[in-house]
Amino acid sequence: MKNKSFSPALVALVCMVFVFENCEDKCVNDVSIDAVQPYSSPAGYEVLLKTSGFSDTVKVVFGLVEAISKPGGQAGEIIATVPDGLLGNVEISVEEGDCIGRSAEFVVSGSLPANVQPSLHEIIVPIPAASIPTDGIENDWTNADTKSVRQGIHLKGDIVAGVYDLAGSYEFYDGDDPFFKDNPVTGTANTNTNVIYLEIDRSAKVGGFIEHFDGSFIENPDFLPVNPNSNKPAILLVSRETGRQLLLYYP
């Protein structure tokens, strides 16, 4: 739920009726926090705030703690780091002078949500890939956040008229936990529009669900340990259910 400031018309009416001092300093912009992605993260992780009505000079506060923040990739986007010392439901506010937008739907968790692939600490600002693969994408695409074990998605499928049909793909996991292993993956990757859509079906596992992702091919971020002999870009996906980014690369 987004929480907006008072409308300009209401502010003007209050000023006329009650003759408040410094009414000219009150917020006259229609500001809001329209989305928080993801809606739950541990301290130290970045979240993406999608806002309206603010300029580039804002302060982001989680509860009563000011957060480190920076601009995102699109107009109105702000990337903020969840401050230390918080846990549970907290209100996020974006402040610029007298203008304040609020969202009460964020949860500072002790760990990442269960039954989702791990996500990076930082939000990736995508740079569209200069070259989209048209010579096949079939192979294991590794989750960039994988630490102790390899985890990701095996993509397969033929390309017809610029569109990969990804039916027959599946999740892989090289550890002992079978939850993320062999789950069916379907979807498409359009090389003409650079639009990717994936569904990962974990519903056969206890606590699992079908997760839907939207994404695209992007330039490989500098921190990825990409095979220098690989000419494939990375894949950045965003979960519709959790708002988490999933970054896959071709090792």
Foldseek 3Di string as FASTA:
>chain_A
DKDWDDELVVLVVCCVPVVDPPSVQADNWTKIFPDWFQQEEAALAKIKTAMPGDDQDKWKDWANRTWDWHAAQDPRIIITGHHPPDFAFTKIWIDDRNTIMIDRRHGHHPHDDPPDPDADRYDDRFAADPAADPPFDADFWFFQPDDPWTWGKGFGAHDDPQKGWRFPIAIPTDDDDCQRHGFTKTWMAGRVVQKTKMWTASVVDVVYHIWIKIWGFGAAPPPGPADPVDPHGWIWIATPVRRGITITHDD
